[in-house]
């Protein structure tokens, strides 16, 4: 069962990344209560997909770019030890998923 759950997570992450790359909208998750197993031995489970980790595992080619932000924002972010690449990456995925 742990292997099946891991494979489900990888399959979902891979599909979601392809959808984002192709400009497709990400569908809204179905409420767990709306999903019924095919038979009495089946079950419904949440599946978590970490798109950042999956993308890195797939050796997705990185693209380097220059970021321009106000000086005060740069200083405030550095004080909080914010990783600019991770933050931009996560924000872009969130925007694309809308």
N, C-alpha and C. Protein backbone atom coordinates (compact mmCIF):
# COMPACT_ATOMS: atom_id res chain seq x y z
N UNK A 1 0.81 -1.19 0.00
CA UNK A 1 0.00 0.00 0.00
C UNK A 1 0.87 1.28 0.00
N UNK A 2 1.96 1.33 0.78
CA UNK A 2 2.79 2.54 0.74
C UNK A 2 3.35 2.81 -0.67
N UNK A 3 3.74 1.75 -1.38
CA UNK A 3 4.24 1.94 -2.74
C UNK A 3 3.15 2.47 -3.66
N UNK A 4 1.94 1.96 -3.50
CA UNK A 4 0.83 2.42 -4.34
C UNK A 4 0.53 3.89 -4.09
N UNK A 5 0.57 4.31 -2.83
CA UNK A 5 0.31 5.72 -2.50
C UNK A 5 1.42 6.62 -3.06
N UNK A 6 2.66 6.15 -2.98
CA UNK A 6 3.79 6.90 -3.52
C UNK A 6 3.66 7.03 -5.04
N UNK A 7 3.28 5.96 -5.70
CA UNK A 7 3.12 5.99 -7.15
C UNK A 7 1.95 6.90 -7.55
N UNK A 8 0.88 6.92 -6.76
CA UNK A 8 -0.25 7.80 -7.04
C UNK A 8 0.19 9.26 -6.93
N UNK A 9 1.00 9.57 -5.92
CA UNK A 9 1.51 10.92 -5.74
C UNK A 9 2.38 11.33 -6.93
N UNK A 10 3.28 10.45 -7.34
CA UNK A 10 4.15 10.75 -8.49
C UNK A 10 3.34 10.93 -9.77
N UNK A 11 2.34 10.07 -9.98
CA UNK A 11 1.51 10.17 -11.18
C UNK A 11 0.75 11.49 -11.22
N UNK A 12 0.20 11.87 -10.07
CA UNK A 12 -0.54 13.12 -10.02
C UNK A 12 0.39 14.32 -10.22
N UNK A 13 1.55 14.32 -9.58
CA UNK A 13 2.50 15.43 -9.74
C UNK A 13 2.94 15.55 -11.19
N UNK A 14 3.23 14.42 -11.82
CA UNK A 14 3.65 14.44 -13.22
C UNK A 14 2.57 14.99 -14.13
N UNK A 15 1.33 14.57 -13.91
CA UNK A 15 0.22 15.06 -14.73
C UNK A 15 -0.01 16.56 -14.52
N UNK A 16 0.04 17.00 -13.25
CA UNK A 16 -0.16 18.41 -12.96
C UNK A 16 0.93 19.28 -13.60
N UNK A 17 2.18 18.83 -13.53
CA UNK A 17 3.27 19.59 -14.16
C UNK A 17 3.07 19.68 -15.67
N UNK A 18 2.65 18.59 -16.29
CA UNK A 18 2.38 18.63 -17.74
C UNK A 18 1.25 19.60 -18.06
N UNK A 19 0.22 19.59 -17.23
CA UNK A 19 -0.89 20.51 -17.45
C UNK A 19 -0.42 21.96 -17.34
N UNK A 20 0.40 22.25 -16.33
CA UNK A 20 0.92 23.61 -16.17
C UNK A 20 1.79 24.02 -17.35
N UNK A 21 2.65 23.10 -17.80
CA UNK A 21 3.53 23.41 -18.93
C UNK A 21 2.74 23.65 -20.21
N UNK A 22 1.60 22.94 -20.35
CA UNK A 22 0.77 23.08 -21.54
C UNK A 22 -0.25 24.21 -21.43
N UNK A 23 -0.25 24.91 -20.29
CA UNK A 23 -1.17 26.02 -20.11
C UNK A 23 -2.59 25.60 -19.78
N UNK A 24 -2.77 24.36 -19.37
CA UNK A 24 -4.11 23.88 -19.02
C UNK A 24 -4.46 24.30 -17.59
N UNK A 25 -5.74 24.48 -17.34
CA UNK A 25 -6.20 24.82 -16.00
C UNK A 25 -6.16 23.57 -15.12
N UNK A 26 -5.75 23.76 -13.88
CA UNK A 26 -5.74 22.66 -12.92
C UNK A 26 -7.14 22.50 -12.36
N UNK A 27 -7.71 21.29 -12.43
CA UNK A 27 -9.07 21.12 -11.91
C UNK A 27 -9.11 21.22 -10.39
N UNK A 28 -10.25 21.64 -9.88
CA UNK A 28 -10.45 21.73 -8.44
C UNK A 28 -10.60 20.30 -7.90
N UNK A 29 -10.00 20.05 -6.75
CA UNK A 29 -10.10 18.73 -6.13
C UNK A 29 -11.55 18.41 -5.77
N UNK A 30 -11.93 17.17 -5.97
CA UNK A 30 -13.27 16.73 -5.59
C UNK A 30 -13.35 16.56 -4.08
N UNK A 31 -14.48 16.90 -3.50
CA UNK A 31 -14.63 16.63 -2.07
C UNK A 31 -14.53 15.11 -1.83
N UNK A 32 -13.81 14.73 -0.81
CA UNK A 32 -13.58 13.30 -0.54
C UNK A 32 -14.91 12.56 -0.35
N UNK A 33 -15.90 13.24 0.20
CA UNK A 33 -17.20 12.60 0.45
C UNK A 33 -17.97 12.32 -0.84
N UNK A 34 -17.60 12.98 -1.94
CA UNK A 34 -18.28 12.78 -3.22
C UNK A 34 -17.73 11.59 -4.00
N UNK A 35 -16.66 10.98 -3.52
CA UNK A 35 -16.02 9.89 -4.26
C UNK A 35 -16.37 8.57 -3.57
N UNK A 36 -16.91 7.64 -4.35
CA UNK A 36 -17.30 6.34 -3.81
C UNK A 36 -16.46 5.24 -4.45
N UNK A 37 -15.92 4.31 -3.65
CA UNK A 37 -15.15 3.20 -4.21
C UNK A 37 -16.05 2.31 -5.08
N UNK A 38 -15.42 1.57 -6.01
CA UNK A 38 -16.17 0.70 -6.90
C UNK A 38 -16.80 -0.49 -6.19
N UNK A 39 -16.17 -0.95 -5.11
CA UNK A 39 -16.73 -2.09 -4.38
C UNK A 39 -16.50 -1.91 -2.88
N UNK A 40 -16.99 -2.87 -2.09
CA UNK A 40 -16.93 -2.75 -0.63
C UNK A 40 -15.52 -2.86 -0.07
N UNK A 41 -14.59 -3.41 -0.83
CA UNK A 41 -13.22 -3.54 -0.33
C UNK A 41 -12.37 -2.31 -0.67
N UNK A 42 -12.91 -1.40 -1.47
CA UNK A 42 -12.18 -0.20 -1.87
C UNK A 42 -12.21 0.87 -0.79
N UNK A 43 -11.40 1.91 -0.99
CA UNK A 43 -11.37 3.03 -0.06
C UNK A 43 -11.00 4.30 -0.81
N UNK A 44 -11.22 5.41 -0.17
CA UNK A 44 -10.89 6.72 -0.72
C UNK A 44 -9.82 7.32 0.17
N UNK A 45 -8.79 7.89 -0.45
CA UNK A 45 -7.70 8.48 0.32
C UNK A 45 -7.23 9.76 -0.36
N UNK A 46 -6.75 10.69 0.46
CA UNK A 46 -6.16 11.92 -0.07
C UNK A 46 -4.78 11.56 -0.63
N UNK A 47 -4.39 12.23 -1.71
CA UNK A 47 -3.06 12.04 -2.29
C UNK A 47 -2.40 13.40 -2.34
N UNK A 48 -1.18 13.47 -1.81
CA UNK A 48 -0.41 14.71 -1.78
C UNK A 48 0.62 14.68 -2.90
N UNK A 49 0.75 15.78 -3.63
CA UNK A 49 1.74 15.87 -4.70
C UNK A 49 2.57 17.12 -4.51
N UNK A 50 3.87 16.96 -4.30
CA UNK A 50 4.79 18.08 -4.15
C UNK A 50 5.40 18.36 -5.52
N UNK A 51 4.88 19.38 -6.20
CA UNK A 51 5.32 19.65 -7.56
C UNK A 51 6.78 20.10 -7.61
N UNK A 52 7.23 20.84 -6.61
CA UNK A 52 8.62 21.29 -6.59
C UNK A 52 9.57 20.11 -6.49
N UNK A 53 9.31 19.23 -5.54
CA UNK A 53 10.17 18.06 -5.35
C UNK A 53 10.14 17.16 -6.57
N UNK A 54 8.96 16.92 -7.13
CA UNK A 54 8.84 16.05 -8.29
C UNK A 54 9.59 16.64 -9.48
N UNK A 55 9.46 17.95 -9.68
CA UNK A 55 10.14 18.62 -10.77
C UNK A 55 11.65 18.46 -10.64
N UNK A 56 12.18 18.62 -9.42
CA UNK A 56 13.61 18.46 -9.19
C UNK A 56 14.05 17.02 -9.43
N UNK A 57 13.22 16.06 -9.01
CA UNK A 57 13.55 14.64 -9.22
C UNK A 57 13.63 14.31 -10.70
N UNK A 58 12.84 14.99 -11.51
CA UNK A 58 12.80 14.72 -12.95
C UNK A 58 13.90 15.47 -13.69
N UNK A 59 14.78 16.13 -12.93
CA UNK A 59 15.89 16.90 -13.52
C UNK A 59 15.40 17.93 -14.53
N UNK A 60 14.33 18.62 -14.16
CA UNK A 60 13.82 19.68 -15.03
C UNK A 60 14.91 20.75 -15.17
N UNK A 61 15.18 21.15 -16.38
CA UNK A 61 16.22 22.14 -16.63
C UNK A 61 15.87 23.47 -15.96
N UNK A 62 16.82 24.00 -15.23
CA UNK A 62 16.60 25.28 -14.56
C UNK A 62 16.91 26.43 -15.50
N UNK A 63 16.23 27.53 -15.31
CA UNK A 63 16.40 28.72 -16.12
C UNK A 63 16.80 29.85 -15.19
N UNK A 64 17.92 30.48 -15.46
CA UNK A 64 18.39 31.57 -14.62
C UNK A 64 17.91 32.89 -15.20
N UNK A 65 17.44 33.78 -14.30
CA UNK A 65 16.96 35.07 -14.75
C UNK A 65 17.27 36.13 -13.71
N UNK A 66 17.19 37.37 -14.11
CA UNK A 66 17.42 38.49 -13.21
C UNK A 66 16.08 38.97 -12.66
N UNK A 67 16.09 39.28 -11.38
CA UNK A 67 14.88 39.75 -10.71
C UNK A 67 15.09 41.20 -10.30
N UNK A 68 14.12 42.05 -10.58
CA UNK A 68 14.21 43.45 -10.19
C UNK A 68 13.10 43.74 -9.19
N UNK A 69 13.51 44.13 -7.96
CA UNK A 69 12.57 44.48 -6.89
C UNK A 69 13.10 45.71 -6.16
N UNK A 70 12.25 46.40 -5.43
CA UNK A 70 12.73 47.56 -4.67
C UNK A 70 13.75 47.14 -3.61
N UNK A 71 14.68 48.02 -3.32
CA UNK A 71 15.74 47.76 -2.35
C UNK A 71 15.18 47.38 -0.99
N UNK A 72 14.15 48.11 -0.52
CA UNK A 72 13.58 47.82 0.80
C UNK A 72 13.02 46.41 0.87
N UNK A 73 12.43 45.93 -0.24
CA UNK A 73 11.86 44.58 -0.27
C UNK A 73 12.97 43.54 -0.24
N UNK A 74 14.04 43.79 -0.96
CA UNK A 74 15.20 42.89 -0.95
C UNK A 74 15.77 42.77 0.46
N UNK A 75 15.95 43.91 1.13
CA UNK A 75 16.52 43.90 2.48
C UNK A 75 15.60 43.18 3.47
N UNK A 76 14.30 43.44 3.39
CA UNK A 76 13.35 42.79 4.30
C UNK A 76 13.33 41.28 4.08
N UNK A 77 13.37 40.86 2.83
CA UNK A 77 13.36 39.42 2.53
C UNK A 77 14.64 38.75 3.01
N UNK A 78 15.77 39.41 2.82
CA UNK A 78 17.04 38.85 3.29
C UNK A 78 17.06 38.70 4.80
N UNK A 79 16.49 39.68 5.52
CA UNK A 79 16.43 39.59 6.99
C UNK A 79 15.63 38.37 7.44
N UNK A 80 14.64 37.99 6.64
CA UNK A 80 13.80 36.83 6.96
C UNK A 80 14.34 35.54 6.34
N UNK A 81 15.52 35.61 5.70
CA UNK A 81 16.14 34.45 5.04
C UNK A 81 15.21 33.80 4.01
N UNK A 82 14.52 34.63 3.25
CA UNK A 82 13.62 34.13 2.22
C UNK A 82 14.42 33.76 0.98
N UNK A 83 14.20 32.56 0.49
CA UNK A 83 14.86 32.08 -0.73
C UNK A 83 14.06 32.62 -1.92
N UNK A 84 14.65 33.52 -2.68
CA UNK A 84 13.95 34.17 -3.79
C UNK A 84 13.53 33.17 -4.86
N UNK A 85 14.39 32.24 -5.21
CA UNK A 85 14.07 31.28 -6.27
C UNK A 85 12.88 30.41 -5.89
N UNK A 86 12.90 29.90 -4.67
CA UNK A 86 11.80 29.05 -4.20
C UNK A 86 10.50 29.83 -4.13
N UNK A 87 10.58 31.05 -3.62
CA UNK A 87 9.39 31.88 -3.50
C UNK A 87 8.79 32.20 -4.86
N UNK A 88 9.62 32.58 -5.81
CA UNK A 88 9.14 32.88 -7.16
C UNK A 88 8.58 31.62 -7.82
N UNK A 89 9.27 30.51 -7.67
CA UNK A 89 8.83 29.23 -8.22
C UNK A 89 7.44 28.88 -7.70
N UNK A 90 7.27 28.93 -6.38
CA UNK A 90 5.99 28.57 -5.77
C UNK A 90 4.87 29.54 -6.19
N UNK A 91 5.21 30.83 -6.26
CA UNK A 91 4.21 31.83 -6.66
C UNK A 91 3.79 31.64 -8.11
N UNK A 92 4.73 31.32 -8.98
CA UNK A 92 4.39 31.09 -10.39
C UNK A 92 3.50 29.87 -10.55
N UNK A 93 3.81 28.80 -9.84
CA UNK A 93 2.96 27.60 -9.91
C UNK A 93 1.55 27.91 -9.40
N UNK A 94 1.47 28.65 -8.31
CA UNK A 94 0.16 29.03 -7.77
C UNK A 94 -0.63 29.86 -8.78
N UNK A 95 0.03 30.79 -9.44
CA UNK A 95 -0.64 31.63 -10.44
C UNK A 95 -1.08 30.81 -11.64
N UNK A 96 -0.23 29.89 -12.09
CA UNK A 96 -0.58 29.06 -13.24
C UNK A 96 -1.73 28.11 -12.93
N UNK A 97 -1.85 27.71 -11.69
CA UNK A 97 -2.88 26.76 -11.29
C UNK A 97 -4.26 27.41 -11.22
N UNK A 98 -4.31 28.73 -11.27
CA UNK A 98 -5.61 29.42 -11.16
C UNK A 98 -6.37 29.39 -12.47
